[in-house]
Amino acid sequence: MLILGIETSCDETAAAVVEKGHRVLSSVVASQVADHRPYGGVVPEIAGRKHLENLVPVVQSALDQAGVTPADLGAVAVTSSPGLMGALLVGTSFGKALAMGWGVPLVEVNHLHAHALAINLGSRRPRLPYLALVVSGGHTTLFLVSSALDLAILGQTRDDAAGECLDKVAKFLGLDYPGGPEIDRLAAGANPKAVRFPRGLAHAPTLDFSFSGLKTAVVNHILGTGGIKGPLNHQQAPPIPAGELRDLAASFLEAVVDTLVGKTIRAAHKHGLSTVVVSGGVAANARLRVKMTAAGKAAGVRVLFPGRELCTDNAAMIAGAAWHLARQKRFAGLDLRPSAKMKTGTCQDARNA
């Protein structure tokens, strides 16, 4: 079965054609980074309008690159949750129109579900069950993946997502958008022990995450005893010497990475899982890849990462996840409504089980 996937949950307009849930025939992504860079973050209204402009050429390009026509497709898949509501509405409305016009079934896919299964698009497909850490600008969630259609939440952030924390601190430091890659670049080769920043909930029994305290600690360290005098987004860090800035970035990044690695390895042990999959935009971070792999090796846990192009938002993962749903005839109606929050029933919340 060939499935056309459409992804518009945030600021990437993406379309892809995937065969049998794992063979990527095409994957096209139109980035909006340049449109949002002047604002230091994603502007929902701009994101929605850019999706309107980009969807038709992106989808056509995906079909052309795959060498297929609508008649070859077995289904159209769309991201229905979670994400920016306006962006999701554009993508789901377009997907419904295509499904109706082409006479093919419609499949709705959870964005986080797709990230957790993105590893199956590569050659190193893990055995089930496995632990998936989905870490991005909007989400930091640990899933127990028992099957492609059976995911349970073991932990998630209680406040800022890891990527959100990276971006906000980068913005405070006056770095370019997106901030995560800029922090990664600055931290390379610098001293990660120059400043000891807190690791949120590090010693708590929960598998949940917290990054807001770390963000505040970085700002207070820079501003001194005066602390934060207003909203973080309105602050501007005082000038910092280049060497000190690099060590600060490395120390901050180390705190983020240590938190992610510690919780993930602990979750794997707690649930008797021998494989960990790390996906989402932050999974492209070099320091996270090094430390998670090393920690996994020391703990006897296999750690896998999708290719970097499959870590950031893409439609191949949407089409890949949709294949499993389509096989079970779990199709959506044309009355499908997207949701900014994760839809109830998509995944179990096992934290209190």
Protein backbone atom coordinates (compact mmCIF):
# COMPACT_ATOMS: atom_id res chain seq x y z
CA MET A 1 0.00 0.00 0.00
CA LEU A 2 1.23 3.48 -0.91
CA ILE A 3 0.27 6.27 1.49
CA LEU A 4 0.59 10.01 1.00
CA GLY A 5 1.42 11.69 4.31
CA ILE A 6 0.82 15.35 5.10
CA GLU A 7 2.42 17.10 8.09
CA THR A 8 1.51 20.66 9.19
CA SER A 9 1.54 20.52 12.98
CA CYS A 10 3.90 23.48 13.41
CA ASP A 11 6.08 25.40 10.96
CA GLU A 12 7.15 22.73 8.47
CA THR A 13 4.96 22.03 5.44
CA ALA A 14 5.72 18.44 4.51
CA ALA A 15 4.45 15.69 2.24
CA ALA A 16 5.80 12.20 1.57
CA VAL A 17 4.91 8.95 -0.14
CA VAL A 18 5.75 5.76 1.78
CA GLU A 19 5.31 2.15 0.71
CA LYS A 20 4.37 -0.62 3.15
CA GLY A 21 5.02 1.61 6.15
CA HIS A 22 8.80 1.74 5.84
CA ARG A 23 10.03 2.39 2.28
CA VAL A 24 10.24 6.15 1.68
CA LEU A 25 9.65 6.94 -1.98
CA SER A 26 9.70 10.70 -1.47
CA SER A 27 9.90 13.21 1.38
CA VAL A 28 9.51 16.93 0.75
CA VAL A 29 9.75 19.59 3.47
CA ALA A 30 9.23 23.33 3.01
CA SER A 31 10.87 25.13 5.93
CA GLN A 32 9.50 28.35 7.40
CA VAL A 33 12.60 29.20 9.47
CA ALA A 34 13.30 32.37 7.50
CA ASP A 35 9.72 33.56 8.01
CA HIS A 36 9.83 33.15 11.79
CA ARG A 37 13.46 34.13 12.45
CA PRO A 38 12.73 37.88 12.83
CA TYR A 39 10.40 37.05 15.73
CA GLY A 40 12.70 34.59 17.48
CA GLY A 41 10.07 31.85 17.46
CA VAL A 42 7.11 30.39 15.59
CA VAL A 43 4.22 32.82 14.99
CA PRO A 44 1.06 30.69 14.62
CA GLU A 45 -0.70 33.06 12.23
CA ILE A 46 2.30 33.17 9.91
CA ALA A 47 2.67 29.39 10.09
CA GLY A 48 -0.92 28.82 9.00
CA ARG A 49 -0.66 31.22 6.07
CA LYS A 50 2.61 29.69 4.86
CA HIS A 51 1.04 26.22 4.96
CA LEU A 52 -1.71 27.53 2.68
CA GLU A 53 0.92 28.76 0.23
CA ASN A 54 3.12 25.68 0.38
CA LEU A 55 0.80 22.68 0.50
CA VAL A 56 -0.14 22.35 -3.17
CA PRO A 57 3.42 22.55 -4.56
CA VAL A 58 4.83 20.39 -1.73
CA VAL A 59 2.29 17.61 -2.26
CA GLN A 60 2.72 17.73 -6.03
CA SER A 61 6.48 17.54 -5.60
CA ALA A 62 6.14 14.50 -3.32
CA LEU A 63 3.99 12.70 -5.89
CA ASP A 64 6.35 13.61 -8.73
CA GLN A 65 9.48 12.51 -6.88
CA ALA A 66 7.84 9.20 -5.97
CA GLY A 67 6.72 8.71 -9.58
CA VAL A 68 3.11 8.04 -8.58
CA THR A 69 -0.32 9.46 -9.30
CA PRO A 70 -3.35 9.76 -7.01
CA ALA A 71 -4.70 6.55 -8.57
CA ASP A 72 -1.75 4.65 -7.08
CA LEU A 73 -2.47 5.69 -3.51
CA GLY A 74 -4.16 3.52 -0.92
CA ALA A 75 -4.80 6.36 1.57
CA VAL A 76 -4.08 9.96 2.50
CA ALA A 77 -2.73 10.51 6.03
CA VAL A 78 -2.79 13.78 7.97
CA THR A 79 -1.45 14.95 11.32
CA SER A 80 -4.50 15.63 13.47
CA SER A 81 -2.89 16.31 16.87
CA PRO A 82 -1.12 17.76 18.77
CA GLY A 83 0.14 21.05 17.36
CA LEU A 84 -0.80 24.61 16.44
CA MET A 85 -4.54 24.64 15.83
CA GLY A 86 -4.46 26.89 12.76
CA ALA A 87 -1.66 24.88 11.17
CA LEU A 88 -3.44 21.59 11.85
CA LEU A 89 -6.68 22.92 10.35
CA VAL A 90 -4.92 23.77 7.10
CA GLY A 91 -3.35 20.33 6.78
CA THR A 92 -6.38 18.28 7.80
CA SER A 93 -8.72 20.30 5.58
CA PHE A 94 -6.45 19.82 2.60
CA GLY A 95 -6.05 16.11 3.33
CA LYS A 96 -9.82 15.63 3.61
CA ALA A 97 -10.32 17.40 0.29
CA LEU A 98 -7.75 15.16 -1.40
CA ALA A 99 -9.23 11.99 0.08
CA MET A 100 -12.72 12.96 -1.04
CA GLY A 101 -11.61 14.08 -4.50
CA TRP A 102 -9.41 11.06 -5.15
CA GLY A 103 -11.79 8.57 -3.59
CA VAL A 104 -9.27 7.10 -1.11
CA PRO A 105 -9.54 6.57 2.67
CA LEU A 106 -8.35 9.20 5.15
CA VAL A 107 -6.11 8.31 8.11
CA GLU A 108 -5.52 10.60 11.07
CA VAL A 109 -2.15 10.32 12.80
CA ASN A 110 -0.90 11.59 16.15
CA HIS A 111 2.28 13.62 15.66
CA LEU A 112 4.05 12.13 18.69
CA HIS A 113 2.96 8.61 17.75
CA ALA A 114 4.62 9.16 14.37
CA HIS A 115 7.86 10.39 15.95
CA ALA A 116 7.97 7.30 18.17
CA LEU A 117 7.67 5.04 15.10
CA ALA A 118 9.99 7.04 12.79
CA ILE A 119 12.84 4.62 13.48
CA ASN A 120 10.96 2.02 11.40
CA LEU A 121 11.65 4.07 8.27
CA GLY A 122 15.32 3.16 8.49
CA SER A 123 17.22 -0.09 8.24
CA ARG A 124 17.71 -0.56 12.01
CA ARG A 125 14.17 -1.39 13.07
CA PRO A 126 13.96 -2.27 16.77
CA ARG A 127 12.31 -5.30 18.28
CA LEU A 128 9.17 -4.68 20.31
CA PRO A 129 8.63 -3.56 22.97
CA TYR A 130 10.94 -0.55 23.20
CA LEU A 131 11.17 2.78 24.97
CA ALA A 132 10.77 5.92 22.86
CA LEU A 133 11.87 9.37 23.97
CA VAL A 134 10.21 12.01 21.79
CA VAL A 135 11.99 15.29 22.47
CA SER A 136 11.33 18.46 20.49
CA GLY A 137 10.45 22.14 20.76
CA GLY A 138 6.93 21.35 21.86
CA HIS A 139 7.16 17.96 23.55
CA THR A 140 9.29 15.84 25.85
CA THR A 141 7.58 12.47 26.34
CA LEU A 142 8.60 8.92 27.19
CA PHE A 143 6.53 6.16 25.55
CA LEU A 144 6.41 2.43 26.09
CA VAL A 145 5.92 1.15 22.53
CA SER A 146 4.40 -2.33 22.81
CA SER A 147 3.32 -2.37 19.17
CA ALA A 148 2.82 0.11 16.37
CA LEU A 149 -0.71 0.70 17.65
CA ASP A 150 -0.11 0.34 21.39
CA LEU A 151 1.76 3.21 23.03
CA ALA A 152 1.66 4.23 26.69
CA ILE A 153 2.96 7.46 28.22
CA LEU A 154 5.48 6.77 30.99
CA GLY A 155 6.57 10.36 31.55
CA GLN A 156 6.35 13.82 30.06
CA THR A 157 7.35 17.39 30.79
CA ARG A 158 5.40 19.24 33.45
CA ASP A 159 6.27 22.65 32.03
CA ASP A 160 8.67 23.61 29.22
CA ALA A 161 9.71 21.05 26.63
CA ALA A 162 13.46 20.50 26.28
CA GLY A 163 13.56 22.16 22.86
CA GLU A 164 11.47 25.06 24.12
CA CYS A 165 13.95 25.58 26.96
CA LEU A 166 16.86 25.55 24.51
CA ASP A 167 15.15 28.07 22.23
CA LYS A 168 14.14 30.44 25.05
CA VAL A 169 17.59 30.55 26.59
CA ALA A 170 19.13 31.03 23.15
CA LYS A 171 16.78 33.93 22.51
CA PHE A 172 17.70 35.48 25.85
CA LEU A 173 21.37 35.20 24.89
CA GLY A 174 20.66 36.98 21.61
CA LEU A 175 21.44 33.93 19.48
CA ASP A 176 19.91 33.29 16.08
CA TYR A 177 16.68 31.31 15.63
CA PRO A 178 16.26 28.35 15.88
CA GLY A 179 18.18 28.41 19.13
CA GLY A 180 18.82 24.71 19.71
CA PRO A 181 21.36 24.28 16.89
CA GLU A 182 23.04 27.54 17.92
CA ILE A 183 23.50 26.28 21.50
CA ASP A 184 24.84 23.00 20.11
CA ARG A 185 27.33 24.88 17.91
CA LEU A 186 28.56 27.13 20.73
CA ALA A 187 28.90 24.24 23.18
CA ALA A 188 31.13 22.13 20.92
CA GLY A 189 34.56 21.87 22.53
CA ALA A 190 33.66 24.14 25.47
CA ASN A 191 33.65 23.28 29.21
CA PRO A 192 30.35 21.63 30.25
CA LYS A 193 31.35 21.84 33.92
CA ALA A 194 32.00 25.58 34.02
CA VAL A 195 28.63 26.24 35.69
CA ARG A 196 26.60 23.72 37.66
CA PHE A 197 22.97 24.16 36.64
CA PRO A 198 20.07 22.18 38.19
CA ARG A 199 18.71 18.96 36.70
CA GLY A 200 14.96 19.22 37.20
CA LEU A 201 13.29 16.31 39.05
CA ALA A 202 16.56 14.37 38.77
CA HIS A 203 16.10 12.57 42.09
CA ALA A 204 12.29 12.43 42.11
CA PRO A 205 10.72 8.97 41.66
CA THR A 206 8.61 10.22 38.74
CA LEU A 207 9.65 9.76 35.11
CA ASP A 208 8.26 13.22 34.30
CA PHE A 209 10.57 16.06 33.24
CA SER A 210 10.85 19.73 34.23
CA PHE A 211 12.93 22.36 32.45
CA SER A 212 11.46 25.70 33.56
CA GLY A 213 13.67 25.84 36.66
CA LEU A 214 16.77 25.30 34.54
CA LYS A 215 15.75 28.13 32.23
CA THR A 216 15.31 30.46 35.21
CA ALA A 217 18.63 29.36 36.72
CA VAL A 218 20.50 30.28 33.53
CA VAL A 219 18.89 33.71 33.40
CA ASN A 220 19.55 34.38 37.10
CA HIS A 221 23.16 33.29 36.69
CA ILE A 222 23.64 35.83 33.92
CA LEU A 223 21.77 38.67 35.58
CA GLY A 224 23.28 38.07 39.01
CA THR A 225 21.49 38.43 42.31
CA GLY A 226 18.95 40.83 40.78
CA GLY A 227 17.22 37.89 39.11
CA ILE A 228 14.48 38.20 36.50
CA LYS A 229 12.79 41.59 36.50
CA GLY A 230 10.22 40.85 33.81
CA PRO A 231 9.03 38.29 31.27
CA LEU A 232 11.92 36.20 29.98
CA ASN A 233 11.15 37.00 26.34
CA HIS A 234 11.60 40.71 27.07
CA GLN A 235 14.97 40.31 28.74
CA GLN A 236 18.26 40.88 27.00
CA ALA A 237 21.40 39.34 28.41
CA PRO A 238 24.29 41.72 29.10
CA PRO A 239 27.37 41.32 26.90
CA ILE A 240 29.23 38.08 27.67
CA PRO A 241 32.83 37.38 26.56
CA ALA A 242 32.99 34.78 23.80
CA GLY A 243 34.82 32.14 25.85
CA GLU A 244 32.50 32.55 28.81
CA LEU A 245 29.47 32.37 26.51
CA ARG A 246 30.68 29.08 25.03
CA ASP A 247 31.24 27.55 28.47
CA LEU A 248 27.84 28.82 29.61
CA ALA A 249 26.17 27.25 26.56
CA ALA A 250 27.99 23.96 27.17
CA SER A 251 27.01 23.91 30.86
CA PHE A 252 23.39 24.67 30.05
CA LEU A 253 23.24 22.06 27.30
CA GLU A 254 24.85 19.50 29.61
CA ALA A 255 22.07 20.04 32.15
CA VAL A 256 19.40 19.48 29.48
CA VAL A 257 21.13 16.37 28.16
CA ASP A 258 21.83 14.90 31.60
CA THR A 259 18.15 15.26 32.49
CA LEU A 260 17.02 13.53 29.30
CA VAL A 261 19.60 10.74 29.56
CA GLY A 262 19.06 10.07 33.25
CA LYS A 263 15.29 9.77 33.02
CA THR A 264 15.41 7.69 29.85
CA ILE A 265 17.88 5.10 31.13
CA ARG A 266 15.99 4.91 34.41
CA ALA A 267 12.72 4.31 32.53
CA ALA A 268 14.33 1.55 30.47
CA HIS A 269 15.51 -0.22 33.61
CA LYS A 270 12.23 0.25 35.45
CA HIS A 271 10.23 -1.33 32.64
CA GLY A 272 12.76 -3.99 31.66
CA LEU A 273 13.37 -2.60 28.17
CA SER A 274 16.60 -3.31 26.31
CA THR A 275 16.11 -0.82 23.45
CA VAL A 276 15.69 2.96 23.51
CA VAL A 277 14.69 5.04 20.49
CA VAL A 278 15.28 8.81 20.62
CA SER A 279 13.41 10.96 18.10
CA GLY A 280 12.08 14.48 17.60
CA GLY A 281 13.96 17.63 16.63
CA VAL A 282 16.23 17.68 19.69
CA ALA A 283 17.34 14.13 18.83
CA ALA A 284 19.51 15.74 16.14
CA ASN A 285 21.61 17.36 18.91
CA ALA A 286 25.18 16.06 18.80
CA ARG A 287 25.79 16.09 22.56
CA LEU A 288 22.56 14.22 23.27
CA ARG A 289 23.48 11.53 20.75
CA VAL A 290 26.93 11.03 22.27
CA LYS A 291 25.83 10.92 25.91
CA MET A 292 22.70 8.83 25.37
CA THR A 293 24.66 6.28 23.35
CA ALA A 294 27.41 6.10 25.99
CA ALA A 295 24.93 5.80 28.85
CA GLY A 296 23.03 3.09 27.00
CA LYS A 297 26.22 1.12 26.38
CA ALA A 298 27.17 1.34 30.05
CA ALA A 299 23.70 0.19 31.09
CA GLY A 300 23.42 -2.60 28.52
CA VAL A 301 20.70 -0.77 26.60
CA ARG A 302 20.69 -0.44 22.80
CA VAL A 303 20.14 3.19 21.75
CA LEU A 304 18.84 4.05 18.27
CA PHE A 305 18.27 7.38 16.55
CA PRO A 306 16.44 7.94 13.25
CA GLY A 307 18.41 9.78 10.59
CA ARG A 308 18.54 13.50 11.32
CA GLU A 309 16.14 14.20 8.44
CA LEU A 310 13.60 11.94 10.18
CA CYS A 311 14.11 13.54 13.61
CA THR A 312 12.79 16.94 12.61
CA ASP A 313 9.16 17.25 11.50
CA ASN A 314 8.49 15.38 8.28
CA ALA A 315 5.62 13.64 6.51
CA ALA A 316 7.36 10.30 5.93
CA MET A 317 6.83 9.44 9.60
CA ILE A 318 3.14 10.38 9.24
CA ALA A 319 2.66 8.08 6.27
CA GLY A 320 4.67 5.33 7.96
CA ALA A 321 2.53 5.41 11.11
CA ALA A 322 -0.65 5.60 9.02
CA TRP A 323 0.15 2.31 7.30
CA HIS A 324 -0.32 0.41 10.54
CA LEU A 325 -3.68 2.11 11.12
CA ALA A 326 -4.79 1.52 7.53
CA ARG A 327 -4.03 -2.20 7.81
CA GLN A 328 -6.53 -2.35 10.65
CA LYS A 329 -9.09 -0.31 8.65
CA ARG A 330 -8.86 2.47 11.23
CA PHE A 331 -9.89 5.26 8.90
CA ALA A 332 -11.16 8.74 9.73
CA GLY A 333 -14.33 10.36 8.46
CA LEU A 334 -14.53 13.59 6.56
CA ASP A 335 -15.85 15.14 9.77
CA LEU A 336 -12.38 14.78 11.30
CA ARG A 337 -11.53 17.61 13.66
CA PRO A 338 -7.92 18.31 14.65
CA SER A 339 -6.90 19.05 18.22
CA ALA A 340 -4.11 21.26 19.55
CA LYS A 341 -3.70 18.82 22.44
CA MET A 342 -3.14 15.09 22.20
CA LYS A 343 -6.47 13.43 21.49
CA THR A 344 -7.85 11.23 24.24
CA GLY A 345 -7.47 7.56 23.44
CA THR A 346 -4.55 7.91 21.05
CA CYS A 347 -2.13 6.75 23.74
CA GLN A 348 -2.63 5.46 27.26
CA ASP A 349 -1.29 7.51 30.15
CA ALA A 350 0.44 4.83 32.23
CA ARG A 351 2.02 7.16 34.79
CA ASN A 352 -0.53 6.35 37.45
CA ALA A 353 -1.20 2.78 36.37
